[in-house]
Amino acid sequence: MKIIRVTAVLAILLSLCFAGIYLKFFSTINSHIDAYIVQVGIYKQEENANEMVAKLTQLQKPNYKYQKDNNYIIITGVFLTEEEAKNMGNDISANGITCVIKQEKFTSDFKEKIEQQDYEAIIKELGS
């Protein structure tokens, strides 16, 4: 009788252990966050992209340029809420610059990078 109890307890403990490993593994694989990007342009010519960067710099607005698929993309920010992105977009639009808010999925480990405004890491991810 004692062996049956020990076996049952070990079976339950092993089940809990493997369930924890399973949940940990699959929760990290599938966890994504939505982020909102304020994009002001996509350019084939780097010269045109640089003109937009200069214009945004003159207006003292944040700007980040990266290259993807032979295009130069200019953004002014990446935010965790759509409201923050819209506020930035409205500020940019008030200066006569057209922009769009794009929703992108990032892995959940990028949440901290977005909160800290680590644009070096964000741009690297966007450009890949």
C-alpha atoms as a PDB file:
ATOM      1  CA  MET A   1       0.000   0.000   0.000  1.00  0.00           C
ATOM      2  CA  LYS A   2       2.884   2.347   0.836  1.00  0.00           C
ATOM      3  CA  ILE A   3       4.501   1.740  -2.584  1.00  0.00           C
ATOM      4  CA  ILE A   4       1.250   2.659  -4.345  1.00  0.00           C
ATOM      5  CA  ARG A   5       1.059   5.971  -2.444  1.00  0.00           C
ATOM      6  CA  VAL A   6       4.682   6.813  -3.218  1.00  0.00           C
ATOM      7  CA  THR A   7       4.130   5.945  -6.884  1.00  0.00           C
ATOM      8  CA  ALA A   8       0.975   8.081  -7.028  1.00  0.00           C
ATOM      9  CA  VAL A   9       2.716  11.050  -5.395  1.00  0.00           C
ATOM     10  CA  LEU A  10       5.691  10.761  -7.760  1.00  0.00           C
ATOM     11  CA  ALA A  11       3.357  10.536 -10.756  1.00  0.00           C
ATOM     12  CA  ILE A  12       1.547  13.694  -9.649  1.00  0.00           C
ATOM     13  CA  LEU A  13       4.814  15.551  -9.054  1.00  0.00           C
ATOM     14  CA  LEU A  14       6.180  14.538 -12.457  1.00  0.00           C
ATOM     15  CA  SER A  15       2.921  15.598 -14.114  1.00  0.00           C
ATOM     16  CA  LEU A  16       3.097  19.010 -12.453  1.00  0.00           C
ATOM     17  CA  CYS A  17       6.739  19.384 -13.411  1.00  0.00           C
ATOM     18  CA  PHE A  18       6.129  18.562 -17.077  1.00  0.00           C
ATOM     19  CA  ALA A  19       3.002  20.744 -17.156  1.00  0.00           C
ATOM     20  CA  GLY A  20       5.076  23.674 -15.875  1.00  0.00           C
ATOM     21  CA  ILE A  21       7.781  23.095 -18.474  1.00  0.00           C
ATOM     22  CA  TYR A  22       5.163  22.817 -21.223  1.00  0.00           C
ATOM     23  CA  LEU A  23       3.450  26.062 -20.196  1.00  0.00           C
ATOM     24  CA  LYS A  24       6.732  27.923 -19.862  1.00  0.00           C
ATOM     25  CA  PHE A  25       7.937  26.759 -23.263  1.00  0.00           C
ATOM     26  CA  PHE A  26       4.762  27.528 -25.200  1.00  0.00           C
ATOM     27  CA  SER A  27       3.959  30.795 -23.451  1.00  0.00           C
ATOM     28  CA  THR A  28       7.315  32.240 -24.531  1.00  0.00           C
ATOM     29  CA  ILE A  29       6.968  31.025 -28.108  1.00  0.00           C
ATOM     30  CA  ASN A  30       3.560  32.541 -28.756  1.00  0.00           C
ATOM     31  CA  SER A  31       3.690  35.737 -26.715  1.00  0.00           C
ATOM     32  CA  HIS A  32       3.603  38.852 -28.848  1.00  0.00           C
ATOM     33  CA  ILE A  33       2.698  42.447 -28.196  1.00  0.00           C
ATOM     34  CA  ASP A  34       1.142  45.002 -30.492  1.00  0.00           C
ATOM     35  CA  ALA A  35       3.039  48.219 -31.019  1.00  0.00           C
ATOM     36  CA  TYR A  36       2.077  51.300 -33.008  1.00  0.00           C
ATOM     37  CA  ILE A  37       4.548  52.983 -35.327  1.00  0.00           C
ATOM     38  CA  VAL A  38       4.234  56.567 -36.545  1.00  0.00           C
ATOM     39  CA  GLN A  39       5.624  56.397 -40.074  1.00  0.00           C
ATOM     40  CA  VAL A  40       6.207  59.546 -42.101  1.00  0.00           C
ATOM     41  CA  GLY A  41       7.618  58.110 -45.288  1.00  0.00           C
ATOM     42  CA  ILE A  42       8.993  55.310 -47.416  1.00  0.00           C
ATOM     43  CA  TYR A  43      11.554  56.375 -49.997  1.00  0.00           C
ATOM     44  CA  LYS A  44      13.415  54.617 -52.786  1.00  0.00           C
ATOM     45  CA  GLN A  45      16.091  57.330 -52.846  1.00  0.00           C
ATOM     46  CA  GLU A  46      18.138  57.895 -49.702  1.00  0.00           C
ATOM     47  CA  GLU A  47      18.451  61.580 -50.637  1.00  0.00           C
ATOM     48  CA  ASN A  48      14.666  62.014 -50.305  1.00  0.00           C
ATOM     49  CA  ALA A  49      14.679  60.192 -46.966  1.00  0.00           C
ATOM     50  CA  ASN A  50      17.451  62.475 -45.731  1.00  0.00           C
ATOM     51  CA  GLU A  51      15.386  65.533 -46.718  1.00  0.00           C
ATOM     52  CA  MET A  52      12.536  64.298 -44.507  1.00  0.00           C
ATOM     53  CA  VAL A  53      14.969  63.623 -41.656  1.00  0.00           C
ATOM     54  CA  ALA A  54      16.296  67.185 -42.018  1.00  0.00           C
ATOM     55  CA  LYS A  55      12.762  68.603 -42.022  1.00  0.00           C
ATOM     56  CA  LEU A  56      11.817  66.672 -38.876  1.00  0.00           C
ATOM     57  CA  THR A  57      15.085  67.649 -37.195  1.00  0.00           C
ATOM     58  CA  GLN A  58      14.446  71.317 -38.023  1.00  0.00           C
ATOM     59  CA  LEU A  59      11.017  70.979 -36.374  1.00  0.00           C
ATOM     60  CA  GLN A  60      12.735  69.335 -33.384  1.00  0.00           C
ATOM     61  CA  LYS A  61      10.726  66.145 -33.862  1.00  0.00           C
ATOM     62  CA  PRO A  62      12.149  62.694 -33.204  1.00  0.00           C
ATOM     63  CA  ASN A  63      13.091  60.782 -36.336  1.00  0.00           C
ATOM     64  CA  TYR A  64      14.596  57.419 -37.112  1.00  0.00           C
ATOM     65  CA  LYS A  65      15.643  56.082 -40.492  1.00  0.00           C
ATOM     66  CA  TYR A  66      16.135  52.450 -41.408  1.00  0.00           C
ATOM     67  CA  GLN A  67      16.445  50.439 -44.585  1.00  0.00           C
ATOM     68  CA  LYS A  68      14.245  47.488 -45.509  1.00  0.00           C
ATOM     69  CA  ASP A  69      13.654  45.831 -48.881  1.00  0.00           C
ATOM     70  CA  ASN A  70      15.632  48.529 -50.748  1.00  0.00           C
ATOM     71  CA  ASN A  71      13.480  51.272 -49.206  1.00  0.00           C
ATOM     72  CA  TYR A  72      14.355  53.930 -46.657  1.00  0.00           C
ATOM     73  CA  ILE A  73      11.683  54.213 -43.990  1.00  0.00           C
ATOM     74  CA  ILE A  74      11.317  57.205 -41.679  1.00  0.00           C
ATOM     75  CA  ILE A  75       9.440  56.903 -38.393  1.00  0.00           C
ATOM     76  CA  THR A  76       8.986  59.310 -35.514  1.00  0.00           C
ATOM     77  CA  GLY A  77       8.188  56.821 -32.790  1.00  0.00           C
ATOM     78  CA  VAL A  78       7.062  53.391 -31.647  1.00  0.00           C
ATOM     79  CA  PHE A  79       4.443  53.175 -28.900  1.00  0.00           C
ATOM     80  CA  LEU A  80       2.648  50.509 -26.903  1.00  0.00           C
ATOM     81  CA  THR A  81      -0.733  52.228 -27.162  1.00  0.00           C
ATOM     82  CA  GLU A  82      -2.564  53.502 -30.185  1.00  0.00           C
ATOM     83  CA  GLU A  83      -3.462  56.664 -28.281  1.00  0.00           C
ATOM     84  CA  GLU A  84       0.204  57.603 -27.773  1.00  0.00           C
ATOM     85  CA  ALA A  85       0.886  57.001 -31.459  1.00  0.00           C
ATOM     86  CA  LYS A  86      -2.106  59.118 -32.488  1.00  0.00           C
ATOM     87  CA  ASN A  87      -0.923  61.953 -30.248  1.00  0.00           C
ATOM     88  CA  MET A  88       2.487  61.890 -31.943  1.00  0.00           C
ATOM     89  CA  GLY A  89       0.809  61.600 -35.358  1.00  0.00           C
ATOM     90  CA  ASN A  90      -1.392  64.623 -34.651  1.00  0.00           C
ATOM     91  CA  ASP A  91       1.658  66.607 -33.556  1.00  0.00           C
ATOM     92  CA  ILE A  92       3.499  65.692 -36.764  1.00  0.00           C
ATOM     93  CA  SER A  93       0.424  66.414 -38.928  1.00  0.00           C
ATOM     94  CA  ALA A  94       0.023  69.831 -37.286  1.00  0.00           C
ATOM     95  CA  ASN A  95       3.382  70.696 -38.857  1.00  0.00           C
ATOM     96  CA  GLY A  96       2.149  69.808 -42.346  1.00  0.00           C
ATOM     97  CA  ILE A  97       3.745  66.365 -42.542  1.00  0.00           C
ATOM     98  CA  THR A  98       1.614  63.423 -43.558  1.00  0.00           C
ATOM     99  CA  CYS A  99       2.022  60.297 -41.461  1.00  0.00           C
ATOM    100  CA  VAL A 100       0.361  56.951 -40.883  1.00  0.00           C
ATOM    101  CA  ILE A 101      -0.012  54.814 -37.783  1.00  0.00           C
ATOM    102  CA  LYS A 102       0.997  51.218 -38.440  1.00  0.00           C
ATOM    103  CA  GLN A 103       0.312  48.356 -36.081  1.00  0.00           C
ATOM    104  CA  GLU A 104       3.166  45.841 -35.793  1.00  0.00           C
ATOM    105  CA  LYS A 105       3.666  42.715 -33.744  1.00  0.00           C
ATOM    106  CA  PHE A 106       6.818  42.362 -31.677  1.00  0.00           C
ATOM    107  CA  THR A 107       7.922  39.551 -29.431  1.00  0.00           C
ATOM    108  CA  SER A 108       7.057  40.269 -25.825  1.00  0.00           C
ATOM    109  CA  ASP A 109      10.709  40.861 -24.916  1.00  0.00           C
ATOM    110  CA  PHE A 110      10.543  44.079 -26.967  1.00  0.00           C
ATOM    111  CA  LYS A 111       8.011  45.652 -24.610  1.00  0.00           C
ATOM    112  CA  GLU A 112      10.802  46.818 -22.319  1.00  0.00           C
ATOM    113  CA  LYS A 113      12.836  48.161 -25.256  1.00  0.00           C
ATOM    114  CA  ILE A 114       9.835  50.165 -26.460  1.00  0.00           C
ATOM    115  CA  GLU A 115       9.145  51.504 -22.960  1.00  0.00           C
ATOM    116  CA  GLN A 116      12.797  52.535 -22.628  1.00  0.00           C
ATOM    117  CA  GLN A 117      12.760  53.982 -26.164  1.00  0.00           C
ATOM    118  CA  ASP A 118      15.741  51.844 -27.152  1.00  0.00           C
ATOM    119  CA  TYR A 119      15.484  52.833 -30.810  1.00  0.00           C
ATOM    120  CA  GLU A 120      18.775  51.223 -31.745  1.00  0.00           C
ATOM    121  CA  ALA A 121      17.308  47.797 -30.911  1.00  0.00           C
ATOM    122  CA  ILE A 122      13.872  48.661 -32.310  1.00  0.00           C
ATOM    123  CA  ILE A 123      15.283  49.887 -35.633  1.00  0.00           C
ATOM    124  CA  LYS A 124      17.448  46.789 -35.899  1.00  0.00           C
ATOM    125  CA  GLU A 125      14.338  44.623 -35.441  1.00  0.00           C
ATOM    126  CA  LEU A 126      12.244  46.668 -37.884  1.00  0.00           C
ATOM    127  CA  GLY A 127      14.966  46.550 -40.520  1.00  0.00           C
ATOM    128  CA  SER A 128      15.308  42.780 -40.402  1.00  0.00           C
END
